Amino acid sequence: MAESHIDVLGIGNAIVDVIAHADDGFLDQHSLPKGSMTLIDAEQAHALYEAMGPGTEMSGGSAANTMAGIASLGGRGAFLGKVRNDQLGGIFRHDIRAVGTRFDSPSAESGLPTARCLIFVTPDAQRTMATFLGASTEFGPADIEESLIAEAKVTYLEGYLWDAPPAKEAFVQAARAAHAAGKRVALSLSDPFCVDRHRESFRDLLEGHVDILFANEAEITSLYETDDFDKALQQVRGHCEIAALTRSEKGSVIVANDEVHVVDAAPVSKVVDTTGAGDSYAAGFLFGFTQGYKLYDCGRLGALCAAEVISHVGARPEVELKELIAEKLGAEAAR
């Protein structure tokens, strides 16, 4: 087994988020399904950007948000993703490095511009995303650094990246490299619409290449084509080592062989913006997992991280999660 100098290596879309408030009428006017992610082209991205209210720009992307959470917890993280040598590519590179995540992928000198995600937060705290994937769609096997994967305890794959065929090849290559080094592979299903598009290939990936699965209730029921969460939970047994299934205010359920752990959601005084809740849950869980915590306490860490991020606008923590966890969990979490 190769020595681990990295706790988690994230592979995903390198995106700059633009977050603004909007009402349901705006979503209807622009045909944006509330609470989900819609892929848009460059022309639509320009038109929506012009129409949206004042926005906050920050480095984003699902796996990148998870890596920012792991860094805030005191973990050692790295990221693989594709950006262009443009202004947004520079913003992404600066931001992810500034939070303490290693990002050495070279910027593309030609091709599509850096990806951006326009995020509309409605008064009920739901987030609706319109994403132009840009340079991220050109991520492929040549962008996989197997030596870096060998250094990581867990390689974490972002389901959103699964759309393009080259990325599918890259994921399989990364999973094989991780397992050859004696390390684990985690996958986030990312979005129920993403599962709808790629159900069969996700099942194949899960069966042969994934050790730890992250999915919310809508995603796991879509994966197994059922409206019954408990049936989906039973279906996922045996297809991966661990499944961490989140259920919003109902908390999460962690399934591992014969073990089932039900974890309550962490209390939050007011839900402001659900953007990044799943990403933050994965950060807490994977940090705990790579530090040797029991699965139940990995779930508690995930719940606390998710509670922090939904208490404010934006998909990344506003406080040092390491300090928050020390205050909330203390020495209770048994390793």
C-alpha atoms as a PDB file:
ATOM      1  CA  MET A   1       0.000   0.000   0.000  1.00  0.00           C
ATOM      2  CA  ALA A   2       1.355   3.429  -0.968  1.00  0.00           C
ATOM      3  CA  GLU A   3       1.989   5.920   1.823  1.00  0.00           C
ATOM      4  CA  SER A   4      -0.833   8.455   2.311  1.00  0.00           C
ATOM      5  CA  HIS A   5       0.186  12.110   2.385  1.00  0.00           C
ATOM      6  CA  ILE A   6      -3.337  13.240   1.422  1.00  0.00           C
ATOM      7  CA  ASP A   7      -6.556  12.421   3.271  1.00  0.00           C
ATOM      8  CA  VAL A   8      -8.948  13.028   0.364  1.00  0.00           C
ATOM      9  CA  LEU A   9      -8.393  13.786  -3.324  1.00  0.00           C
ATOM     10  CA  GLY A  10     -11.449  15.298  -4.993  1.00  0.00           C
ATOM     11  CA  ILE A  11     -12.080  14.985  -8.729  1.00  0.00           C
ATOM     12  CA  GLY A  12     -14.824  17.167 -10.162  1.00  0.00           C
ATOM     13  CA  ASN A  13     -15.986  20.222 -12.039  1.00  0.00           C
ATOM     14  CA  ALA A  14     -13.858  23.317 -11.454  1.00  0.00           C
ATOM     15  CA  ILE A  15     -16.577  25.978 -11.319  1.00  0.00           C
ATOM     16  CA  VAL A  16     -16.909  29.583 -10.207  1.00  0.00           C
ATOM     17  CA  ASP A  17     -20.261  30.165  -8.485  1.00  0.00           C
ATOM     18  CA  VAL A  18     -22.310  33.335  -8.880  1.00  0.00           C
ATOM     19  CA  ILE A  19     -24.957  33.406  -6.123  1.00  0.00           C
ATOM     20  CA  ALA A  20     -27.941  35.765  -6.089  1.00  0.00           C
ATOM     21  CA  HIS A  21     -31.394  35.933  -4.503  1.00  0.00           C
ATOM     22  CA  ALA A  22     -34.443  35.353  -6.710  1.00  0.00           C
ATOM     23  CA  ASP A  23     -38.146  34.577  -6.387  1.00  0.00           C
ATOM     24  CA  ASP A  24     -40.179  31.721  -7.850  1.00  0.00           C
ATOM     25  CA  GLY A  25     -41.413  34.011 -10.622  1.00  0.00           C
ATOM     26  CA  PHE A  26     -37.870  34.503 -11.883  1.00  0.00           C
ATOM     27  CA  LEU A  27     -37.351  30.735 -11.980  1.00  0.00           C
ATOM     28  CA  ASP A  28     -40.607  30.230 -13.895  1.00  0.00           C
ATOM     29  CA  GLN A  29     -39.783  33.042 -16.317  1.00  0.00           C
ATOM     30  CA  HIS A  30     -36.453  31.397 -17.191  1.00  0.00           C
ATOM     31  CA  SER A  31     -37.742  27.779 -17.132  1.00  0.00           C
ATOM     32  CA  LEU A  32     -35.479  26.737 -14.270  1.00  0.00           C
ATOM     33  CA  PRO A  33     -36.752  23.691 -12.294  1.00  0.00           C
ATOM     34  CA  LYS A  34     -36.721  24.768  -8.673  1.00  0.00           C
ATOM     35  CA  GLY A  35     -34.252  23.008  -6.403  1.00  0.00           C
ATOM     36  CA  SER A  36     -32.297  21.291  -9.148  1.00  0.00           C
ATOM     37  CA  MET A  37     -29.376  21.833 -11.506  1.00  0.00           C
ATOM     38  CA  THR A  38     -29.934  22.655 -15.188  1.00  0.00           C
ATOM     39  CA  LEU A  39     -27.128  22.494 -17.743  1.00  0.00           C
ATOM     40  CA  ILE A  40     -26.977  25.561 -19.991  1.00  0.00           C
ATOM     41  CA  ASP A  41     -24.851  26.680 -22.932  1.00  0.00           C
ATOM     42  CA  ALA A  42     -22.663  29.785 -23.218  1.00  0.00           C
ATOM     43  CA  GLU A  43     -25.471  31.909 -24.732  1.00  0.00           C
ATOM     44  CA  GLN A  44     -27.923  30.984 -21.957  1.00  0.00           C
ATOM     45  CA  ALA A  45     -25.244  31.630 -19.321  1.00  0.00           C
ATOM     46  CA  HIS A  46     -24.720  35.144 -20.670  1.00  0.00           C
ATOM     47  CA  ALA A  47     -28.464  35.913 -20.788  1.00  0.00           C
ATOM     48  CA  LEU A  48     -29.119  34.614 -17.264  1.00  0.00           C
ATOM     49  CA  TYR A  49     -26.123  36.490 -15.866  1.00  0.00           C
ATOM     50  CA  GLU A  50     -27.503  39.705 -17.373  1.00  0.00           C
ATOM     51  CA  ALA A  51     -30.973  39.053 -15.912  1.00  0.00           C
ATOM     52  CA  MET A  52     -29.989  38.030 -12.369  1.00  0.00           C
ATOM     53  CA  GLY A  53     -29.730  40.414  -9.435  1.00  0.00           C
ATOM     54  CA  PRO A  54     -26.526  41.407  -7.605  1.00  0.00           C
ATOM     55  CA  GLY A  55     -24.385  38.317  -7.147  1.00  0.00           C
ATOM     56  CA  THR A  56     -21.476  37.059  -5.083  1.00  0.00           C
ATOM     57  CA  GLU A  57     -18.690  35.322  -7.009  1.00  0.00           C
ATOM     58  CA  MET A  58     -16.682  32.548  -5.388  1.00  0.00           C
ATOM     59  CA  SER A  59     -14.866  29.393  -6.325  1.00  0.00           C
ATOM     60  CA  GLY A  60     -17.278  26.459  -6.348  1.00  0.00           C
ATOM     61  CA  GLY A  61     -18.077  23.049  -7.746  1.00  0.00           C
ATOM     62  CA  SER A  62     -19.418  20.173  -5.670  1.00  0.00           C
ATOM     63  CA  ALA A  63     -16.212  18.206  -5.036  1.00  0.00           C
ATOM     64  CA  ALA A  64     -14.228  21.421  -4.660  1.00  0.00           C
ATOM     65  CA  ASN A  65     -16.682  22.545  -1.947  1.00  0.00           C
ATOM     66  CA  THR A  66     -16.124  19.232  -0.171  1.00  0.00           C
ATOM     67  CA  MET A  67     -12.376  19.753  -0.328  1.00  0.00           C
ATOM     68  CA  ALA A  68     -12.775  23.243   1.159  1.00  0.00           C
ATOM     69  CA  GLY A  69     -14.724  21.667   4.039  1.00  0.00           C
ATOM     70  CA  ILE A  70     -12.047  19.061   4.639  1.00  0.00           C
ATOM     71  CA  ALA A  71      -9.386  21.780   4.738  1.00  0.00           C
ATOM     72  CA  SER A  72     -11.480  23.753   7.250  1.00  0.00           C
ATOM     73  CA  LEU A  73     -11.644  20.632   9.429  1.00  0.00           C
ATOM     74  CA  GLY A  74      -7.853  20.386   9.413  1.00  0.00           C
ATOM     75  CA  GLY A  75      -7.636  17.601   6.813  1.00  0.00           C
ATOM     76  CA  ARG A  76      -5.138  17.307   3.981  1.00  0.00           C
ATOM     77  CA  GLY A  77      -6.846  17.616   0.622  1.00  0.00           C
ATOM     78  CA  ALA A  78      -6.062  17.903  -3.076  1.00  0.00           C
ATOM     79  CA  PHE A  79      -8.205  18.508  -6.159  1.00  0.00           C
ATOM     80  CA  LEU A  80      -8.130  17.551  -9.828  1.00  0.00           C
ATOM     81  CA  GLY A  81     -10.215  19.587 -12.259  1.00  0.00           C
ATOM     82  CA  LYS A  82      -9.917  21.554 -15.492  1.00  0.00           C
ATOM     83  CA  VAL A  83      -9.859  25.341 -15.841  1.00  0.00           C
ATOM     84  CA  ARG A  84      -8.953  27.658 -18.711  1.00  0.00           C
ATOM     85  CA  ASN A  85      -6.253  30.332 -18.449  1.00  0.00           C
ATOM     86  CA  ASP A  86      -8.905  33.048 -18.117  1.00  0.00           C
ATOM     87  CA  GLN A  87     -10.169  35.336 -15.347  1.00  0.00           C
ATOM     88  CA  LEU A  88     -12.548  32.805 -13.792  1.00  0.00           C
ATOM     89  CA  GLY A  89      -9.865  30.120 -13.983  1.00  0.00           C
ATOM     90  CA  GLY A  90      -7.587  32.406 -11.984  1.00  0.00           C
ATOM     91  CA  ILE A  91     -10.346  32.996  -9.409  1.00  0.00           C
ATOM     92  CA  PHE A  92     -10.900  29.259  -9.009  1.00  0.00           C
ATOM     93  CA  ARG A  93      -7.187  28.484  -8.616  1.00  0.00           C
ATOM     94  CA  HIS A  94      -6.644  31.273  -6.084  1.00  0.00           C
ATOM     95  CA  ASP A  95      -9.700  30.417  -3.983  1.00  0.00           C
ATOM     96  CA  ILE A  96      -9.165  26.669  -3.676  1.00  0.00           C
ATOM     97  CA  ARG A  97      -5.496  27.114  -2.803  1.00  0.00           C
ATOM     98  CA  ALA A  98      -6.324  29.893  -0.343  1.00  0.00           C
ATOM     99  CA  VAL A  99      -8.510  27.548   1.722  1.00  0.00           C
ATOM    100  CA  GLY A 100      -5.628  25.069   1.973  1.00  0.00           C
ATOM    101  CA  THR A 101      -6.339  22.561  -0.814  1.00  0.00           C
ATOM    102  CA  ARG A 102      -3.609  21.440  -3.189  1.00  0.00           C
ATOM    103  CA  PHE A 103      -4.469  22.226  -6.822  1.00  0.00           C
ATOM    104  CA  ASP A 104      -1.674  21.774  -9.351  1.00  0.00           C
ATOM    105  CA  SER A 105      -3.659  20.951 -12.521  1.00  0.00           C
ATOM    106  CA  PRO A 106      -2.338  23.137 -15.376  1.00  0.00           C
ATOM    107  CA  SER A 107      -4.701  25.654 -16.986  1.00  0.00           C
ATOM    108  CA  ALA A 108      -5.828  24.861 -20.524  1.00  0.00           C
ATOM    109  CA  GLU A 109      -4.493  27.383 -23.033  1.00  0.00           C
ATOM    110  CA  SER A 110      -7.224  26.746 -25.598  1.00  0.00           C
ATOM    111  CA  GLY A 111     -10.755  25.366 -25.757  1.00  0.00           C
ATOM    112  CA  LEU A 112     -13.822  26.274 -23.716  1.00  0.00           C
ATOM    113  CA  PRO A 113     -13.739  28.928 -20.957  1.00  0.00           C
ATOM    114  CA  THR A 114     -13.776  28.087 -17.256  1.00  0.00           C
ATOM    115  CA  ALA A 115     -17.119  26.752 -16.003  1.00  0.00           C
ATOM    116  CA  ARG A 116     -19.547  28.878 -14.044  1.00  0.00           C
ATOM    117  CA  CYS A 117     -22.697  28.115 -12.036  1.00  0.00           C
ATOM    118  CA  LEU A 118     -25.455  30.688 -11.600  1.00  0.00           C
ATOM    119  CA  ILE A 119     -27.195  29.938  -8.307  1.00  0.00           C
ATOM    120  CA  PHE A 120     -30.578  31.429  -7.441  1.00  0.00           C
ATOM    121  CA  VAL A 121     -31.593  31.317  -3.773  1.00  0.00           C
ATOM    122  CA  THR A 122     -35.333  31.671  -3.163  1.00  0.00           C
ATOM    123  CA  PRO A 123     -36.868  32.978   0.112  1.00  0.00           C
ATOM    124  CA  ASP A 124     -37.499  29.390   1.299  1.00  0.00           C
ATOM    125  CA  ALA A 125     -33.701  28.791   1.149  1.00  0.00           C
ATOM    126  CA  GLN A 126     -33.928  26.416  -1.816  1.00  0.00           C
ATOM    127  CA  ARG A 127     -31.134  26.779  -4.375  1.00  0.00           C
ATOM    128  CA  THR A 128     -31.669  26.423  -8.091  1.00  0.00           C
ATOM    129  CA  MET A 129     -28.599  26.119 -10.287  1.00  0.00           C
ATOM    130  CA  ALA A 130     -27.945  26.875 -13.949  1.00  0.00           C
ATOM    131  CA  THR A 131     -24.534  25.551 -14.918  1.00  0.00           C
ATOM    132  CA  PHE A 132     -22.321  26.180 -17.919  1.00  0.00           C
ATOM    133  CA  LEU A 133     -19.714  23.427 -17.637  1.00  0.00           C
ATOM    134  CA  GLY A 134     -17.242  24.941 -20.075  1.00  0.00           C
ATOM    135  CA  ALA A 135     -13.681  23.647 -19.692  1.00  0.00           C
ATOM    136  CA  SER A 136     -14.818  20.971 -17.203  1.00  0.00           C
ATOM    137  CA  THR A 137     -16.376  18.985 -20.058  1.00  0.00           C
ATOM    138  CA  GLU A 138     -12.886  18.502 -21.497  1.00  0.00           C
ATOM    139  CA  PHE A 139     -11.594  16.679 -18.399  1.00  0.00           C
ATOM    140  CA  GLY A 140     -10.368  13.237 -19.384  1.00  0.00           C
ATOM    141  CA  PRO A 141      -7.867  10.443 -18.708  1.00  0.00           C
ATOM    142  CA  ALA A 142      -4.882  12.690 -19.531  1.00  0.00           C
ATOM    143  CA  ASP A 143      -5.840  14.869 -16.533  1.00  0.00           C
ATOM    144  CA  ILE A 144      -5.616  11.985 -14.044  1.00  0.00           C
ATOM    145  CA  GLU A 145      -2.473  12.036 -11.902  1.00  0.00           C
ATOM    146  CA  GLU A 146      -2.076   8.455 -10.695  1.00  0.00           C
ATOM    147  CA  SER A 147       0.838   9.324  -8.402  1.00  0.00           C
ATOM    148  CA  LEU A 148      -1.400  11.835  -6.611  1.00  0.00           C
ATOM    149  CA  ILE A 149      -4.203   9.266  -6.330  1.00  0.00           C
ATOM    150  CA  ALA A 150      -1.753   6.807  -4.765  1.00  0.00           C
ATOM    151  CA  GLU A 151      -1.024   9.396  -2.054  1.00  0.00           C
ATOM    152  CA  ALA A 152      -4.688   9.794  -1.039  1.00  0.00           C
ATOM    153  CA  LYS A 153      -6.536   7.655   1.502  1.00  0.00           C
ATOM    154  CA  VAL A 154      -9.780   8.287  -0.417  1.00  0.00           C
ATOM    155  CA  THR A 155     -10.351   9.482  -3.984  1.00  0.00           C
ATOM    156  CA  TYR A 156     -13.714  11.266  -4.114  1.00  0.00           C
ATOM    157  CA  LEU A 157     -15.568  11.379  -7.452  1.00  0.00           C
ATOM    158  CA  GLU A 158     -18.218  14.008  -8.215  1.00  0.00           C
ATOM    159  CA  GLY A 159     -21.236  12.587 -10.050  1.00  0.00           C
ATOM    160  CA  TYR A 160     -21.860  15.861 -11.894  1.00  0.00           C
ATOM    161  CA  LEU A 161     -18.666  15.232 -13.886  1.00  0.00           C
ATOM    162  CA  TRP A 162     -20.038  11.919 -15.214  1.00  0.00           C
ATOM    163  CA  ASP A 163     -21.860  13.551 -18.163  1.00  0.00           C
ATOM    164  CA  ALA A 164     -18.992  13.574 -20.683  1.00  0.00           C
ATOM    165  CA  PRO A 165     -17.546  10.277 -22.049  1.00  0.00           C
ATOM    166  CA  PRO A 166     -13.897  11.307 -21.412  1.00  0.00           C
ATOM    167  CA  ALA A 167     -14.758  11.925 -17.752  1.00  0.00           C
ATOM    168  CA  LYS A 168     -16.287   8.447 -17.482  1.00  0.00           C
ATOM    169  CA  GLU A 169     -12.981   6.977 -18.693  1.00  0.00           C
ATOM    170  CA  ALA A 170     -11.101   9.200 -16.262  1.00  0.00           C
ATOM    171  CA  PHE A 171     -13.240   8.041 -13.301  1.00  0.00           C
ATOM    172  CA  VAL A 172     -12.638   4.374 -14.062  1.00  0.00           C
ATOM    173  CA  GLN A 173      -8.915   5.034 -14.493  1.00  0.00           C
ATOM    174  CA  ALA A 174      -8.800   6.919 -11.169  1.00  0.00           C
ATOM    175  CA  ALA A 175     -10.708   4.156  -9.353  1.00  0.00           C
ATOM    176  CA  ARG A 176      -8.386   1.472 -10.690  1.00  0.00           C
ATOM    177  CA  ALA A 177      -5.321   3.511  -9.683  1.00  0.00           C
ATOM    178  CA  ALA A 178      -6.709   4.018  -6.168  1.00  0.00           C
ATOM    179  CA  HIS A 179      -7.479   0.339  -5.682  1.00  0.00           C
ATOM    180  CA  ALA A 180      -4.096  -0.677  -7.124  1.00  0.00           C
ATOM    181  CA  ALA A 181      -2.538   1.491  -4.399  1.00  0.00           C
ATOM    182  CA  GLY A 182      -4.717  -0.142  -1.728  1.00  0.00           C
ATOM    183  CA  LYS A 183      -6.869   2.975  -1.236  1.00  0.00           C
ATOM    184  CA  ARG A 184     -10.617   3.630  -1.303  1.00  0.00           C
ATOM    185  CA  VAL A 185     -12.905   5.325  -3.788  1.00  0.00           C
ATOM    186  CA  ALA A 186     -15.953   7.432  -2.899  1.00  0.00           C
ATOM    187  CA  LEU A 187     -18.700   8.673  -5.239  1.00  0.00           C
ATOM    188  CA  SER A 188     -21.363  11.344  -4.844  1.00  0.00           C
ATOM    189  CA  LEU A 189     -24.452  10.888  -7.027  1.00  0.00           C
ATOM    190  CA  SER A 190     -24.775  14.708  -6.989  1.00  0.00           C
ATOM    191  CA  ASP A 191     -28.327  15.235  -8.306  1.00  0.00           C
ATOM    192  CA  PRO A 192     -31.437  13.135  -9.074  1.00  0.00           C
ATOM    193  CA  PHE A 193     -31.519  14.487 -12.643  1.00  0.00           C
ATOM    194  CA  CYS A 194     -27.920  13.344 -13.026  1.00  0.00           C
ATOM    195  CA  VAL A 195     -28.982   9.875 -11.840  1.00  0.00           C
ATOM    196  CA  ASP A 196     -31.918   9.881 -14.263  1.00  0.00           C
ATOM    197  CA  ARG A 197     -29.522  10.500 -17.154  1.00  0.00           C
ATOM    198  CA  HIS A 198     -26.948   7.896 -16.149  1.00  0.00           C
ATOM    199  CA  ARG A 199     -28.718   5.322 -13.978  1.00  0.00           C
ATOM    200  CA  GLU A 200     -27.313   2.167 -15.577  1.00  0.00           C
ATOM    201  CA  SER A 201     -23.737   3.418 -15.901  1.00  0.00           C
ATOM    202  CA  PHE A 202     -23.820   4.681 -12.291  1.00  0.00           C
ATOM    203  CA  ARG A 203     -24.906   1.223 -11.182  1.00  0.00           C
ATOM    204  CA  ASP A 204     -22.038  -0.319 -13.129  1.00  0.00           C
ATOM    205  CA  LEU A 205     -19.558   2.142 -11.636  1.00  0.00           C
ATOM    206  CA  LEU A 206     -20.892   1.491  -8.132  1.00  0.00           C
ATOM    207  CA  GLU A 207     -20.694  -2.276  -8.544  1.00  0.00           C
ATOM    208  CA  GLY A 208     -17.099  -2.513  -9.651  1.00  0.00           C
ATOM    209  CA  HIS A 209     -15.265   0.629  -8.580  1.00  0.00           C
ATOM    210  CA  VAL A 210     -16.841   2.430  -5.579  1.00  0.00           C
ATOM    211  CA  ASP A 211     -16.324   1.729  -1.861  1.00  0.00           C
ATOM    212  CA  ILE A 212     -18.218   4.679  -0.310  1.00  0.00           C
ATOM    213  CA  LEU A 213     -21.410   6.111  -1.813  1.00  0.00           C
ATOM    214  CA  PHE A 214     -22.975   9.477  -0.960  1.00  0.00           C
ATOM    215  CA  ALA A 215     -26.573  10.080  -2.051  1.00  0.00           C
ATOM    216  CA  ASN A 216     -29.617  11.957  -0.832  1.00  0.00           C
ATOM    217  CA  GLU A 217     -33.067  10.394  -0.654  1.00  0.00           C
ATOM    218  CA  ALA A 218     -34.126  11.519  -4.131  1.00  0.00           C
ATOM    219  CA  GLU A 219     -30.897  10.261  -5.696  1.00  0.00           C
ATOM    220  CA  ILE A 220     -30.857   6.805  -4.106  1.00  0.00           C
ATOM    221  CA  THR A 221     -34.530   6.167  -4.892  1.00  0.00           C
ATOM    222  CA  SER A 222     -33.943   7.274  -8.478  1.00  0.00           C
ATOM    223  CA  LEU A 223     -30.925   4.973  -8.752  1.00  0.00           C
ATOM    224  CA  TYR A 224     -33.059   1.947  -7.868  1.00  0.00           C
ATOM    225  CA  GLU A 225     -36.279   3.222  -9.482  1.00  0.00           C
ATOM    226  CA  THR A 226     -38.473   3.151  -6.397  1.00  0.00           C
ATOM    227  CA  ASP A 227     -40.440   5.690  -4.369  1.00  0.00           C
ATOM    228  CA  ASP A 228     -39.613   3.825  -1.150  1.00  0.00           C
ATOM    229  CA  PHE A 229     -36.443   4.949   0.649  1.00  0.00           C
ATOM    230  CA  ASP A 230     -36.246   1.747   2.711  1.00  0.00           C
ATOM    231  CA  LYS A 231     -36.385  -0.386  -0.434  1.00  0.00           C
ATOM    232  CA  ALA A 232     -33.598   1.674  -1.990  1.00  0.00           C
ATOM    233  CA  LEU A 233     -31.573   1.299   1.201  1.00  0.00           C
ATOM    234  CA  GLN A 234     -31.905  -2.478   1.008  1.00  0.00           C
ATOM    235  CA  GLN A 235     -30.996  -2.419  -2.680  1.00  0.00           C
ATOM    236  CA  VAL A 236     -27.701  -0.601  -2.140  1.00  0.00           C
ATOM    237  CA  ARG A 237     -26.510  -3.179   0.407  1.00  0.00           C
ATOM    238  CA  GLY A 238     -23.689  -5.269  -0.970  1.00  0.00           C
ATOM    239  CA  HIS A 239     -23.022  -2.975  -3.926  1.00  0.00           C
ATOM    240  CA  CYS A 240     -20.486  -0.891  -2.000  1.00  0.00           C
ATOM    241  CA  GLU A 241     -18.734  -1.051   1.369  1.00  0.00           C
ATOM    242  CA  ILE A 242     -20.506   1.996   2.844  1.00  0.00           C
ATOM    243  CA  ALA A 243     -23.525   4.051   1.756  1.00  0.00           C
ATOM    244  CA  ALA A 244     -24.135   7.393   3.496  1.00  0.00           C
ATOM    245  CA  LEU A 245     -27.692   8.449   2.622  1.00  0.00           C
ATOM    246  CA  THR A 246     -28.873  11.933   3.600  1.00  0.00           C
ATOM    247  CA  ARG A 247     -32.526  12.893   4.212  1.00  0.00           C
ATOM    248  CA  SER A 248     -32.458  16.671   4.884  1.00  0.00           C
ATOM    249  CA  GLU A 249     -34.150  17.441   8.232  1.00  0.00           C
ATOM    250  CA  LYS A 250     -34.565  13.700   8.872  1.00  0.00           C
ATOM    251  CA  GLY A 251     -30.798  13.318   9.193  1.00  0.00           C
ATOM    252  CA  SER A 252     -28.920  10.499   7.512  1.00  0.00           C
ATOM    253  CA  VAL A 253     -28.692   6.728   7.408  1.00  0.00           C
ATOM    254  CA  ILE A 254     -25.355   4.948   7.065  1.00  0.00           C
ATOM    255  CA  VAL A 255     -25.368   1.385   5.758  1.00  0.00           C
ATOM    256  CA  ALA A 256     -22.286  -0.828   5.947  1.00  0.00           C
ATOM    257  CA  ASN A 257     -22.745  -4.580   5.512  1.00  0.00           C
ATOM    258  CA  ASP A 258     -24.934  -5.592   8.482  1.00  0.00           C
ATOM    259  CA  GLU A 259     -24.573  -2.212  10.218  1.00  0.00           C
ATOM    260  CA  VAL A 260     -27.222   0.509   9.992  1.00  0.00           C
ATOM    261  CA  HIS A 261     -26.660   3.832  11.761  1.00  0.00           C
ATOM    262  CA  VAL A 262     -29.408   6.456  11.949  1.00  0.00           C
ATOM    263  CA  VAL A 263     -27.958   9.915  12.562  1.00  0.00           C
ATOM    264  CA  ASP A 264     -30.083  12.929  13.497  1.00  0.00           C
ATOM    265  CA  ALA A 265     -29.727  16.192  11.618  1.00  0.00           C
ATOM    266  CA  ALA A 266     -27.776  18.794  13.599  1.00  0.00           C
ATOM    267  CA  PRO A 267     -29.987  21.649  14.840  1.00  0.00           C
ATOM    268  CA  VAL A 268     -29.817  24.984  13.042  1.00  0.00           C
ATOM    269  CA  SER A 269     -31.599  28.155  14.150  1.00  0.00           C
ATOM    270  CA  LYS A 270     -32.567  29.198  10.609  1.00  0.00           C
ATOM    271  CA  VAL A 271     -32.077  27.578   7.216  1.00  0.00           C
ATOM    272  CA  VAL A 272     -30.818  30.351   4.922  1.00  0.00           C
ATOM    273  CA  ASP A 273     -29.399  28.548   1.867  1.00  0.00           C
ATOM    274  CA  THR A 274     -29.178  24.806   1.235  1.00  0.00           C
ATOM    275  CA  THR A 275     -26.416  25.219  -1.387  1.00  0.00           C
ATOM    276  CA  GLY A 276     -23.570  22.839  -0.568  1.00  0.00           C
ATOM    277  CA  ALA A 277     -25.313  20.912   2.218  1.00  0.00           C
ATOM    278  CA  GLY A 278     -24.501  17.531   0.670  1.00  0.00           C
ATOM    279  CA  ASP A 279     -20.964  18.649  -0.161  1.00  0.00           C
ATOM    280  CA  SER A 280     -20.383  19.668   3.455  1.00  0.00           C
ATOM    281  CA  TYR A 281     -21.881  16.444   4.789  1.00  0.00           C
ATOM    282  CA  ALA A 282     -19.426  14.506   2.606  1.00  0.00           C
ATOM    283  CA  ALA A 283     -16.567  16.657   3.911  1.00  0.00           C
ATOM    284  CA  GLY A 284     -17.382  15.893   7.530  1.00  0.00           C
ATOM    285  CA  PHE A 285     -17.959  12.209   6.876  1.00  0.00           C
ATOM    286  CA  LEU A 286     -14.774  11.721   4.850  1.00  0.00           C
ATOM    287  CA  PHE A 287     -12.685  13.693   7.316  1.00  0.00           C
ATOM    288  CA  GLY A 288     -13.919  11.468  10.128  1.00  0.00           C
ATOM    289  CA  PHE A 289     -13.433   8.342   8.040  1.00  0.00           C
ATOM    290  CA  THR A 290      -9.847   9.166   7.125  1.00  0.00           C
ATOM    291  CA  GLN A 291      -9.073   9.997  10.766  1.00  0.00           C
ATOM    292  CA  GLY A 292     -10.365   6.659  12.003  1.00  0.00           C
ATOM    293  CA  TYR A 293     -13.698   7.705  13.514  1.00  0.00           C
ATOM    294  CA  LYS A 294     -16.525   5.198  13.886  1.00  0.00           C
ATOM    295  CA  LEU A 295     -19.159   5.389  11.153  1.00  0.00           C
ATOM    296  CA  TYR A 296     -21.834   6.847  13.412  1.00  0.00           C
ATOM    297  CA  ASP A 297     -19.501   9.686  14.397  1.00  0.00           C
ATOM    298  CA  CYS A 298     -18.545  10.221  10.764  1.00  0.00           C
ATOM    299  CA  GLY A 299     -22.247  10.842  10.194  1.00  0.00           C
ATOM    300  CA  ARG A 300     -22.399  13.250  13.132  1.00  0.00           C
ATOM    301  CA  LEU A 301     -19.457  15.182  11.731  1.00  0.00           C
ATOM    302  CA  GLY A 302     -21.214  15.346   8.377  1.00  0.00           C
ATOM    303  CA  ALA A 303     -24.428  16.596   9.994  1.00  0.00           C
ATOM    304  CA  LEU A 304     -22.617  19.359  11.898  1.00  0.00           C
ATOM    305  CA  CYS A 305     -20.801  20.536   8.765  1.00  0.00           C
ATOM    306  CA  ALA A 306     -24.043  20.556   6.759  1.00  0.00           C
ATOM    307  CA  ALA A 307     -25.808  22.542   9.508  1.00  0.00           C
ATOM    308  CA  GLU A 308     -23.108  25.202   9.403  1.00  0.00           C
ATOM    309  CA  VAL A 309     -23.255  25.711   5.654  1.00  0.00           C
ATOM    310  CA  ILE A 310     -27.078  25.943   5.432  1.00  0.00           C
ATOM    311  CA  SER A 311     -27.106  28.669   8.099  1.00  0.00           C
ATOM    312  CA  HIS A 312     -25.709  31.277   5.665  1.00  0.00           C
ATOM    313  CA  VAL A 313     -25.554  32.103   1.946  1.00  0.00           C
ATOM    314  CA  GLY A 314     -22.832  30.222   0.088  1.00  0.00           C
ATOM    315  CA  ALA A 315     -21.632  26.647  -0.253  1.00  0.00           C
ATOM    316  CA  ARG A 316     -18.494  26.863   1.875  1.00  0.00           C
ATOM    317  CA  PRO A 317     -18.038  27.239   5.634  1.00  0.00           C
ATOM    318  CA  GLU A 318     -17.854  30.718   7.133  1.00  0.00           C
ATOM    319  CA  VAL A 319     -16.216  29.524  10.373  1.00  0.00           C
ATOM    320  CA  GLU A 320     -13.310  27.173  11.041  1.00  0.00           C
ATOM    321  CA  LEU A 321     -15.053  23.809  11.082  1.00  0.00           C
ATOM    322  CA  LYS A 322     -12.225  22.392  13.162  1.00  0.00           C
ATOM    323  CA  GLU A 323     -13.157  24.750  16.006  1.00  0.00           C
ATOM    324  CA  LEU A 324     -16.894  24.167  15.546  1.00  0.00           C
ATOM    325  CA  ILE A 325     -16.449  20.402  15.742  1.00  0.00           C
ATOM    326  CA  ALA A 326     -14.240  20.683  18.819  1.00  0.00           C
ATOM    327  CA  GLU A 327     -16.945  22.759  20.505  1.00  0.00           C
ATOM    328  CA  LYS A 328     -19.935  20.637  19.464  1.00  0.00           C
ATOM    329  CA  LEU A 329     -18.451  17.143  19.506  1.00  0.00           C
ATOM    330  CA  GLY A 330     -15.435  17.481  21.763  1.00  0.00           C
ATOM    331  CA  ALA A 331     -13.997  14.184  22.896  1.00  0.00           C
ATOM    332  CA  GLU A 332     -17.322  12.373  22.437  1.00  0.00           C
ATOM    333  CA  ALA A 333     -16.459  11.052  18.984  1.00  0.00           C
ATOM    334  CA  ALA A 334     -14.734   7.735  19.504  1.00  0.00           C
ATOM    335  CA  ARG A 335     -12.014   6.669  17.116  1.00  0.00           C
END
